[in-house]
Amino acid sequence: MAITAKASLYHSVRIDEKKCVGCVRCMKGCPTKAIRVKNGKAKIIKERCIDCGECLRVCPYDAVLPITTSSADLKKFKYKVALPSPVLYSQFGQHVRPNEILSALKQLGFDYVYEEALMCEMTSRAIEEYLDEYKGPNPVISSTCPVVVRLIQRLFPSLCQLIIPIEPPREIASKNLRSEISEKYNLRKEDIGIIHITPCSAKMVSINYPETMKKSHLDGALSIQQVYNDIMKSIKRPSRPFMLDTQSPVSGIGIGWTISGGEIRGLKYFHSVSVSGVYDTIRILEDVEAGKLKNIEYLECMICPDGCIGGPLTVENRFVAKSNVLRLIRTFGDKKRVDTHFVKKLYKEKFFSFEASVKPKPFAPLDKNRAKAIKKMELIEKTTKELPGIDCGVCGAPDCKTFAEDIARGKAKLDECIFLKKKRINRKKETLWRKKK
């Protein structure tokens, strides 16, 4: 099934043509070959974009911009809730307590701030319940990263059945919060705005067009970059060393979800593997597709390097952020802050479950007509042999093979390759020279 839904056309990044200089770095960095450079400006092929944020990460001119919720969008809600990713705790140094960050966030105009790390720990318990019952093929793949889910839908559609049917903590927390706040303050659910504080813009896609539910329980997302300076102004940095606040709601197990391997750290007794970074994720999914990882029970994939702390909308250097997270994990320890029996009850009630399964959405074929598709494949093969094979990107495509495919699809012309064009000009000159001679 080709991507035809409106969701495939909504994305979390856009290119500012005024800033774009056509340097091709975003085009070269895109793992799904979703960017072309035409007339000196980068263009996103919306049907191929999975919102991984690599273009955001590599653009040196700030020409790739994230699409997130604006302050104006927040004004339509009577009651505003901030749901910060635990990544936020890693951004302000080693001596700032999570509770200080949560308090500072509330001063930005939110009526309530919820600590997501607790829900991460609850989700860990729900995953254990699922794996205890699971009898299907291995490995089961985490559903936490929305980009990984989209990547599987597009490039590895046969693996959709392996994605664990449990919603990520941000959605589960939002569902719970909306019901509780509505009942407690006698508010209509639509008057409550629950905003995720996120390290990556991909969350906006999962909020606006969720894959496994009719409507997201979240109402928007602000980037860590958007709130960072205001939080910094509100925080009073203590000179004393960091000490554990025994009244803190923070979960050490939940905080671990922010780094690669953190999700499986919370699982006991299962043979699990974690991988981070878009290209390593693609490689391990290729191994899964080839049947090489059947002995692995659970696979945690995170598209950003080192996990969510490597998100393109963070502020702190990811290596420093990782050090901060590890310190927090040591401080708060592996002490469980959730009731296992309560989580089990919620799991049985399908509180954590998908409303619908993840559907395969592979990229559009060369042609719906099989015979025409075969002819186009032959044309790609023939054209690729004619091209120089140096993958320079001057034609506006990331490599020669992709350029050949663009030609077969009618999206490019052969004379856009400057090397072939130069050869033809030289041949004409040589022919004219011979005629004159």
Protein backbone atom coordinates (compact mmCIF):
# COMPACT_ATOMS: atom_id res chain seq x y z
CA MET A 1 0.00 0.00 0.00
CA ALA A 2 1.47 3.34 -1.03
CA ILE A 3 1.35 6.39 1.21
CA THR A 4 -1.72 8.37 0.22
CA ALA A 5 -3.09 9.53 3.57
CA LYS A 6 -2.98 13.17 4.60
CA ALA A 7 -0.67 12.15 7.45
CA SER A 8 2.12 11.44 4.97
CA LEU A 9 2.02 15.07 3.85
CA TYR A 10 2.23 16.60 7.33
CA HIS A 11 5.75 16.93 8.69
CA SER A 12 7.52 18.43 11.65
CA VAL A 13 10.18 20.36 9.72
CA ARG A 14 10.19 22.92 6.94
CA ILE A 15 12.91 24.56 4.88
CA ASP A 16 13.39 28.32 4.97
CA GLU A 17 14.35 29.09 1.37
CA LYS A 18 15.75 32.49 2.35
CA LYS A 19 18.38 30.80 4.51
CA CYS A 20 18.98 27.73 2.32
CA VAL A 21 22.13 27.98 0.17
CA GLY A 22 21.75 24.59 -1.51
CA CYS A 23 24.79 23.07 0.21
CA VAL A 24 23.32 19.51 -0.14
CA ARG A 25 24.24 18.48 3.43
CA CYS A 26 20.62 17.81 4.36
CA MET A 27 20.14 15.86 1.14
CA LYS A 28 23.19 13.73 1.83
CA GLY A 29 22.20 13.15 5.45
CA CYS A 30 18.61 12.08 4.79
CA PRO A 31 18.29 8.29 5.37
CA THR A 32 15.17 7.90 3.21
CA LYS A 33 16.40 10.10 0.33
CA ALA A 34 13.54 12.51 0.89
CA ILE A 35 15.38 15.70 -0.08
CA ARG A 36 16.35 17.11 -3.47
CA VAL A 37 18.16 20.35 -4.29
CA LYS A 38 16.58 22.19 -7.20
CA ASN A 39 17.49 25.69 -8.39
CA GLY A 40 19.87 26.03 -5.48
CA LYS A 41 17.25 25.28 -2.79
CA ALA A 42 16.50 22.11 -0.83
CA LYS A 43 13.06 20.60 -1.24
CA ILE A 44 11.46 17.91 0.93
CA ILE A 45 9.64 15.08 -0.83
CA LYS A 46 6.84 14.81 1.71
CA GLU A 47 5.85 11.27 0.75
CA ARG A 48 9.34 10.00 1.68
CA CYS A 49 10.02 12.00 4.86
CA ILE A 50 9.87 10.10 8.19
CA ASP A 51 10.65 13.16 10.37
CA CYS A 52 13.91 11.75 11.74
CA GLY A 53 15.38 15.25 12.13
CA GLU A 54 18.71 14.44 10.48
CA CYS A 55 18.28 17.50 8.23
CA LEU A 56 17.79 19.65 11.34
CA ARG A 57 20.92 18.15 12.83
CA VAL A 58 23.26 18.68 9.87
CA CYS A 59 22.15 22.03 8.41
CA PRO A 60 24.88 24.62 9.18
CA TYR A 61 22.72 27.59 8.14
CA ASP A 62 19.64 27.03 10.34
CA ALA A 63 17.59 26.72 7.16
CA VAL A 64 15.71 23.65 8.42
CA LEU A 65 13.15 24.75 10.98
CA PRO A 66 11.10 22.59 13.40
CA ILE A 67 7.34 22.95 13.50
CA THR A 68 6.12 23.01 17.10
CA THR A 69 3.30 24.54 19.13
CA SER A 70 3.35 28.32 19.52
CA SER A 71 2.46 30.36 22.59
CA ALA A 72 -0.58 31.63 20.68
CA ASP A 73 -1.81 28.04 20.33
CA LEU A 74 -1.78 27.66 24.11
CA LYS A 75 -4.17 30.56 24.70
CA LYS A 76 -7.21 28.60 23.52
CA PHE A 77 -7.03 26.31 26.58
CA LYS A 78 -8.48 27.25 29.97
CA TYR A 79 -6.23 24.83 31.85
CA LYS A 80 -2.69 24.17 30.62
CA VAL A 81 -0.63 21.12 31.56
CA ALA A 82 3.07 20.67 30.85
CA LEU A 83 4.26 17.13 30.33
CA PRO A 84 8.07 17.38 30.12
CA SER A 85 10.22 14.60 28.72
CA PRO A 86 12.71 13.47 31.39
CA VAL A 87 15.37 14.69 28.94
CA LEU A 88 14.69 18.14 30.36
CA TYR A 89 16.45 17.16 33.60
CA SER A 90 19.71 16.60 31.71
CA GLN A 91 19.92 20.11 30.28
CA PHE A 92 20.80 22.29 33.29
CA GLY A 93 23.93 20.85 34.84
CA GLN A 94 24.55 18.43 37.69
CA HIS A 95 23.44 20.59 40.62
CA VAL A 96 19.90 21.46 39.55
CA ARG A 97 17.24 19.22 41.05
CA PRO A 98 14.41 17.86 38.87
CA ASN A 99 11.90 19.45 41.25
CA GLU A 100 13.46 22.87 40.61
CA ILE A 101 13.07 22.37 36.88
CA LEU A 102 9.44 21.29 37.28
CA SER A 103 8.74 24.32 39.47
CA ALA A 104 10.43 26.65 36.97
CA LEU A 105 8.34 25.14 34.19
CA LYS A 106 5.15 25.90 36.10
CA GLN A 107 6.18 29.55 36.36
CA LEU A 108 6.04 29.78 32.57
CA GLY A 109 2.25 29.86 32.72
CA PHE A 110 1.25 26.24 33.11
CA ASP A 111 -1.43 25.38 35.65
CA TYR A 112 0.02 21.95 36.29
CA VAL A 113 3.24 20.06 35.54
CA TYR A 114 3.33 16.27 35.44
CA GLU A 115 6.48 14.19 35.91
CA GLU A 116 6.60 11.84 32.88
CA ALA A 117 9.38 9.63 34.28
CA LEU A 118 6.81 8.02 36.59
CA MET A 119 4.74 6.95 33.61
CA CYS A 120 7.90 5.61 31.94
CA GLU A 121 8.34 3.30 34.92
CA MET A 122 4.70 2.22 34.74
CA THR A 123 5.13 1.48 31.03
CA SER A 124 8.17 -0.67 31.83
CA ARG A 125 5.96 -2.81 34.04
CA ALA A 126 3.29 -3.00 31.31
CA ILE A 127 5.93 -4.12 28.78
CA GLU A 128 6.97 -6.90 31.16
CA GLU A 129 3.35 -8.04 31.41
CA TYR A 130 3.10 -8.14 27.62
CA LEU A 131 6.37 -10.05 27.16
CA ASP A 132 5.35 -12.58 29.82
CA GLU A 133 2.26 -13.44 27.78
CA TYR A 134 3.74 -13.07 24.28
CA LYS A 135 4.04 -16.23 22.16
CA GLY A 136 4.72 -14.76 18.71
CA PRO A 137 7.90 -14.26 16.63
CA ASN A 138 10.87 -12.37 18.04
CA PRO A 139 12.06 -9.75 18.60
CA VAL A 140 9.25 -7.53 19.84
CA ILE A 141 10.14 -3.93 18.89
CA SER A 142 9.61 -0.88 21.11
CA SER A 143 6.94 1.63 20.05
CA THR A 144 8.38 4.56 22.03
CA CYS A 145 10.12 6.44 19.21
CA PRO A 146 7.56 7.67 16.63
CA VAL A 147 10.25 7.91 13.95
CA VAL A 148 11.18 4.24 14.37
CA VAL A 149 7.51 3.34 13.91
CA ARG A 150 7.36 5.42 10.70
CA LEU A 151 10.66 3.96 9.50
CA ILE A 152 9.32 0.43 9.93
CA GLN A 153 6.09 1.32 8.14
CA ARG A 154 8.00 2.71 5.15
CA LEU A 155 11.17 0.65 4.81
CA PHE A 156 10.37 -2.55 6.76
CA PRO A 157 6.57 -3.00 6.44
CA SER A 158 6.77 -6.73 7.17
CA LEU A 159 8.01 -5.89 10.69
CA CYS A 160 4.92 -3.86 11.69
CA GLN A 161 3.50 -6.96 13.38
CA LEU A 162 6.50 -7.01 15.76
CA ILE A 163 5.89 -3.51 17.17
CA ILE A 164 4.68 -3.84 20.75
CA PRO A 165 1.03 -2.67 20.96
CA ILE A 166 1.65 -0.42 23.96
CA GLU A 167 1.39 3.36 23.71
CA PRO A 168 4.45 5.45 24.67
CA PRO A 169 4.46 7.01 28.17
CA ARG A 170 3.63 10.51 26.93
CA GLU A 171 0.31 9.33 25.49
CA ILE A 172 -0.60 7.15 28.47
CA ALA A 173 0.18 9.98 30.90
CA SER A 174 -1.93 12.42 28.87
CA LYS A 175 -4.91 10.09 28.79
CA ASN A 176 -4.78 9.69 32.55
CA LEU A 177 -4.24 13.39 33.22
CA ARG A 178 -7.13 14.60 31.09
CA SER A 179 -9.61 12.37 32.90
CA GLU A 180 -8.29 13.22 36.37
CA ILE A 181 -8.14 16.99 35.82
CA SER A 182 -11.53 17.11 34.13
CA GLU A 183 -13.15 15.35 37.07
CA LYS A 184 -11.23 17.21 39.77
CA TYR A 185 -11.81 20.75 38.46
CA ASN A 186 -15.11 20.16 36.66
CA LEU A 187 -13.61 21.13 33.30
CA ARG A 188 -14.55 20.00 29.84
CA LYS A 189 -11.85 17.73 28.46
CA GLU A 190 -11.43 19.93 25.39
CA ASP A 191 -10.64 22.92 27.63
CA ILE A 192 -7.55 21.14 28.97
CA GLY A 193 -4.39 21.58 26.93
CA ILE A 194 -1.69 18.98 27.57
CA ILE A 195 1.63 20.03 26.04
CA HIS A 196 4.65 17.80 25.70
CA ILE A 197 8.06 19.39 26.30
CA THR A 198 10.04 17.51 23.69
CA PRO A 199 13.62 16.94 22.54
CA CYS A 200 12.48 16.28 18.95
CA SER A 201 9.97 17.70 16.50
CA ALA A 202 8.73 14.26 15.38
CA LYS A 203 6.34 14.26 18.33
CA MET A 204 4.26 16.86 16.49
CA VAL A 205 3.52 14.35 13.73
CA SER A 206 2.50 11.67 16.22
CA ILE A 207 0.26 14.24 17.95
CA ASN A 208 -1.42 15.58 14.82
CA TYR A 209 -1.64 12.26 12.98
CA PRO A 210 -1.22 9.36 15.43
CA GLU A 211 -0.76 5.93 13.86
CA THR A 212 -2.55 3.82 16.48
CA MET A 213 -5.44 5.96 17.72
CA LYS A 214 -8.13 8.23 16.32
CA LYS A 215 -6.88 11.24 18.24
CA SER A 216 -3.78 11.88 20.32
CA HIS A 217 -4.26 12.57 24.03
CA LEU A 218 -1.70 15.38 23.65
CA ASP A 219 -2.60 18.81 22.30
CA GLY A 220 0.81 20.02 21.19
CA ALA A 221 4.53 20.10 21.83
CA LEU A 222 7.06 22.75 22.78
CA SER A 223 10.73 22.10 22.16
CA ILE A 224 13.26 22.10 24.97
CA GLN A 225 14.95 24.92 23.07
CA GLN A 226 11.76 27.02 23.33
CA VAL A 227 11.55 26.82 27.13
CA TYR A 228 15.25 26.56 28.00
CA ASN A 229 16.09 30.26 28.50
CA ASP A 230 12.99 30.97 30.57
CA ILE A 231 13.70 27.99 32.82
CA MET A 232 17.31 29.11 33.22
CA LYS A 233 16.10 32.52 34.40
CA SER A 234 13.82 30.92 36.99
CA ILE A 235 16.31 28.45 38.42
CA LYS A 236 18.36 29.47 41.43
CA ARG A 237 21.52 27.43 41.12
CA PRO A 238 22.54 26.12 44.56
CA SER A 239 26.20 26.03 45.49
CA ARG A 240 25.70 22.84 47.50
CA PRO A 241 26.10 19.38 45.88
CA PHE A 242 23.02 17.65 44.49
CA MET A 243 21.14 15.75 47.20
CA LEU A 244 18.14 13.44 46.84
CA ASP A 245 14.83 15.08 47.62
CA THR A 246 12.91 12.29 49.34
CA GLN A 247 9.61 13.98 48.42
CA SER A 248 10.49 14.10 44.72
CA PRO A 249 8.12 12.22 42.41
CA VAL A 250 10.98 11.47 40.02
CA SER A 251 11.63 7.86 39.06
CA GLY A 252 15.21 6.75 38.48
CA ILE A 253 13.94 3.92 36.27
CA GLY A 254 11.87 6.38 34.26
CA ILE A 255 14.71 8.88 33.84
CA GLY A 256 16.74 6.10 32.25
CA TRP A 257 14.36 6.05 29.28
CA THR A 258 16.08 9.19 27.98
CA ILE A 259 19.28 7.36 27.00
CA SER A 260 19.88 4.38 24.75
CA GLY A 261 19.41 1.20 26.77
CA GLY A 262 17.33 2.99 29.40
CA GLU A 263 14.04 1.43 28.41
CA ILE A 264 15.39 -2.12 28.61
CA ARG A 265 17.22 -1.24 31.85
CA GLY A 266 13.80 -1.22 33.49
CA LEU A 267 13.03 -4.74 32.23
CA LYS A 268 14.13 -7.74 34.28
CA TYR A 269 14.62 -11.27 32.93
CA PHE A 270 14.33 -10.60 29.19
CA HIS A 271 17.02 -10.96 26.52
CA SER A 272 16.99 -7.43 25.14
CA VAL A 273 19.09 -5.26 22.82
CA SER A 274 19.17 -1.48 22.41
CA VAL A 275 20.37 0.55 19.44
CA SER A 276 20.39 4.27 18.72
CA GLY A 277 21.05 6.47 15.71
CA VAL A 278 19.18 6.30 12.42
CA TYR A 279 21.73 4.31 10.44
CA ASP A 280 22.42 1.75 13.18
CA THR A 281 18.66 1.39 13.60
CA ILE A 282 18.27 0.70 9.88
CA ARG A 283 21.07 -1.88 10.01
CA ILE A 284 19.61 -3.79 12.94
CA LEU A 285 16.12 -3.75 11.39
CA GLU A 286 17.68 -5.24 8.26
CA ASP A 287 19.01 -8.04 10.47
CA VAL A 288 15.58 -8.53 12.02
CA GLU A 289 14.02 -8.70 8.56
CA ALA A 290 16.63 -11.28 7.55
CA GLY A 291 15.73 -13.42 10.58
CA LYS A 292 19.09 -12.98 12.33
CA LEU A 293 17.77 -11.82 15.72
CA LYS A 294 15.15 -14.43 16.58
CA ASN A 295 16.86 -15.17 19.89
CA ILE A 296 16.34 -11.56 21.04
CA GLU A 297 13.09 -11.02 22.93
CA TYR A 298 12.90 -7.23 22.95
CA LEU A 299 14.50 -4.59 20.73
CA GLU A 300 14.72 -0.97 21.81
CA CYS A 301 15.39 1.38 18.88
CA MET A 302 15.87 5.14 19.23
CA ILE A 303 16.43 7.22 16.12
CA CYS A 304 18.54 9.91 17.80
CA PRO A 305 22.19 9.18 18.70
CA ASP A 306 22.51 8.05 22.34
CA GLY A 307 18.73 8.21 22.66
CA CYS A 308 16.37 11.11 23.30
CA ILE A 309 19.15 13.18 24.88
CA GLY A 310 20.54 13.40 21.33
CA GLY A 311 17.33 14.93 20.00
CA PRO A 312 17.80 17.84 17.58
CA LEU A 313 15.72 20.21 19.76
CA THR A 314 17.85 19.85 22.90
CA VAL A 315 20.37 22.44 24.11
CA GLU A 316 23.01 20.59 26.13
CA ASN A 317 25.82 18.64 24.48
CA ARG A 318 24.52 15.08 24.37
CA PHE A 319 27.62 13.61 26.02
CA VAL A 320 27.29 16.03 28.93
CA ALA A 321 23.55 15.34 29.03
CA LYS A 322 24.21 11.60 29.22
CA SER A 323 26.58 12.15 32.13
CA ASN A 324 23.88 14.18 33.88
CA VAL A 325 21.30 11.43 33.31
CA LEU A 326 23.60 8.71 34.65
CA ARG A 327 24.19 10.81 37.75
CA LEU A 328 20.44 11.17 38.26
CA ILE A 329 19.95 7.43 37.83
CA ARG A 330 22.61 6.73 40.47
CA THR A 331 21.02 9.31 42.78
CA PHE A 332 17.44 8.09 42.51
CA GLY A 333 18.44 4.46 42.08
CA ASP A 334 16.30 1.54 40.95
CA LYS A 335 13.75 1.98 43.70
CA LYS A 336 10.26 1.32 42.33
CA ARG A 337 7.88 4.25 42.74
CA VAL A 338 4.84 2.60 41.20
CA ASP A 339 2.54 -0.12 42.48
CA THR A 340 3.18 -3.23 40.37
CA HIS A 341 -0.22 -4.72 41.20
CA PHE A 342 -1.96 -1.49 40.16
CA VAL A 343 -0.07 -1.47 36.83
CA LYS A 344 -1.02 -5.10 36.26
CA LYS A 345 -4.67 -4.23 36.83
CA LEU A 346 -4.46 -1.34 34.34
CA TYR A 347 -2.71 -3.60 31.83
CA LYS A 348 -5.52 -6.17 32.06
CA GLU A 349 -7.98 -3.33 31.43
CA LYS A 350 -5.98 -2.44 28.26
CA PHE A 351 -5.17 1.01 29.63
CA PHE A 352 -1.75 0.91 27.92
CA SER A 353 -2.87 -0.72 24.67
CA PHE A 354 -3.07 0.57 21.10
CA GLU A 355 -6.53 1.35 19.77
CA ALA A 356 -5.42 0.03 16.37
CA SER A 357 -2.38 -1.86 15.09
CA VAL A 358 0.45 -0.23 13.14
CA LYS A 359 -0.29 -0.54 9.41
CA PRO A 360 2.41 -0.99 6.73
CA LYS A 361 2.81 2.11 4.52
CA PRO A 362 5.63 1.36 2.08
CA PHE A 363 6.84 3.95 -0.40
CA ALA A 364 4.99 4.18 -3.70
CA PRO A 365 6.12 1.62 -6.30
CA LEU A 366 7.74 2.70 -9.56
CA ASP A 367 4.41 2.10 -11.27
CA LYS A 368 1.10 0.47 -10.37
CA ASN A 369 1.24 -1.38 -13.66
CA ARG A 370 3.61 -4.34 -13.21
CA ALA A 371 4.85 -4.34 -16.81
CA LYS A 372 5.59 -0.60 -16.70
CA ALA A 373 7.33 -0.99 -13.35
CA ILE A 374 9.63 -3.66 -14.84
CA LYS A 375 10.48 -1.35 -17.76
CA LYS A 376 11.29 1.46 -15.33
CA MET A 377 13.54 -0.88 -13.34
CA GLU A 378 15.38 -1.73 -16.54
CA LEU A 379 15.70 1.98 -17.32
CA ILE A 380 17.13 2.62 -13.83
CA GLU A 381 19.70 -0.12 -14.30
CA LYS A 382 20.69 1.17 -17.75
CA THR A 383 20.85 4.82 -16.60
CA THR A 384 22.88 3.97 -13.49
CA LYS A 385 25.54 2.36 -15.72
CA GLU A 386 25.74 5.53 -17.82
CA LEU A 387 26.20 7.79 -14.79
CA PRO A 388 29.68 8.42 -13.31
CA GLY A 389 28.87 6.74 -9.97
CA ILE A 390 30.62 9.37 -7.85
CA ASP A 391 27.46 10.46 -6.00
CA CYS A 392 28.46 14.13 -6.07
CA GLY A 393 24.92 15.48 -5.59
CA VAL A 394 25.34 18.25 -8.17
CA CYS A 395 22.31 16.91 -10.08
CA GLY A 396 20.17 17.61 -7.02
CA ALA A 397 19.80 13.96 -5.99
CA PRO A 398 21.78 12.32 -3.17
CA ASP A 399 23.42 9.66 -5.36
CA CYS A 400 23.53 8.35 -8.92
CA LYS A 401 21.13 5.47 -8.30
CA THR A 402 18.51 7.77 -6.81
CA PHE A 403 19.01 10.18 -9.72
CA ALA A 404 18.41 7.29 -12.13
CA GLU A 405 15.20 6.45 -10.25
CA ASP A 406 14.09 10.09 -10.46
CA ILE A 407 14.62 9.94 -14.22
CA ALA A 408 12.55 6.75 -14.46
CA ARG A 409 9.76 8.41 -12.46
CA GLY A 410 9.85 11.44 -14.75
CA LYS A 411 11.13 13.72 -11.97
CA ALA A 412 14.54 14.48 -13.52
CA LYS A 413 16.33 14.57 -16.87
CA LEU A 414 19.60 12.90 -17.84
CA ASP A 415 21.26 16.15 -18.92
CA GLU A 416 21.02 17.39 -15.31
CA CYS A 417 24.16 15.31 -14.69
CA ILE A 418 26.96 17.79 -15.41
CA PHE A 419 29.45 15.02 -16.14
CA LEU A 420 27.33 13.49 -18.89
CA LYS A 421 26.50 16.96 -20.16
CA LYS A 422 30.18 17.80 -20.32
CA LYS A 423 30.90 14.56 -22.19
CA ARG A 424 28.24 15.38 -24.77
CA ILE A 425 29.58 18.90 -25.26
CA ASN A 426 33.10 17.54 -25.71
CA ARG A 427 31.84 14.99 -28.25
CA LYS A 428 30.11 17.72 -30.23
CA LYS A 429 33.26 19.84 -30.18
CA GLU A 430 35.33 16.88 -31.32
CA THR A 431 32.86 16.11 -34.14
CA LEU A 432 32.92 19.74 -35.32
CA TRP A 433 36.70 19.82 -35.14
CA ARG A 434 36.94 16.67 -37.26
CA LYS A 435 34.51 18.09 -39.86
CA LYS A 436 36.54 21.31 -40.13
CA LYS A 437 39.72 19.30 -40.46
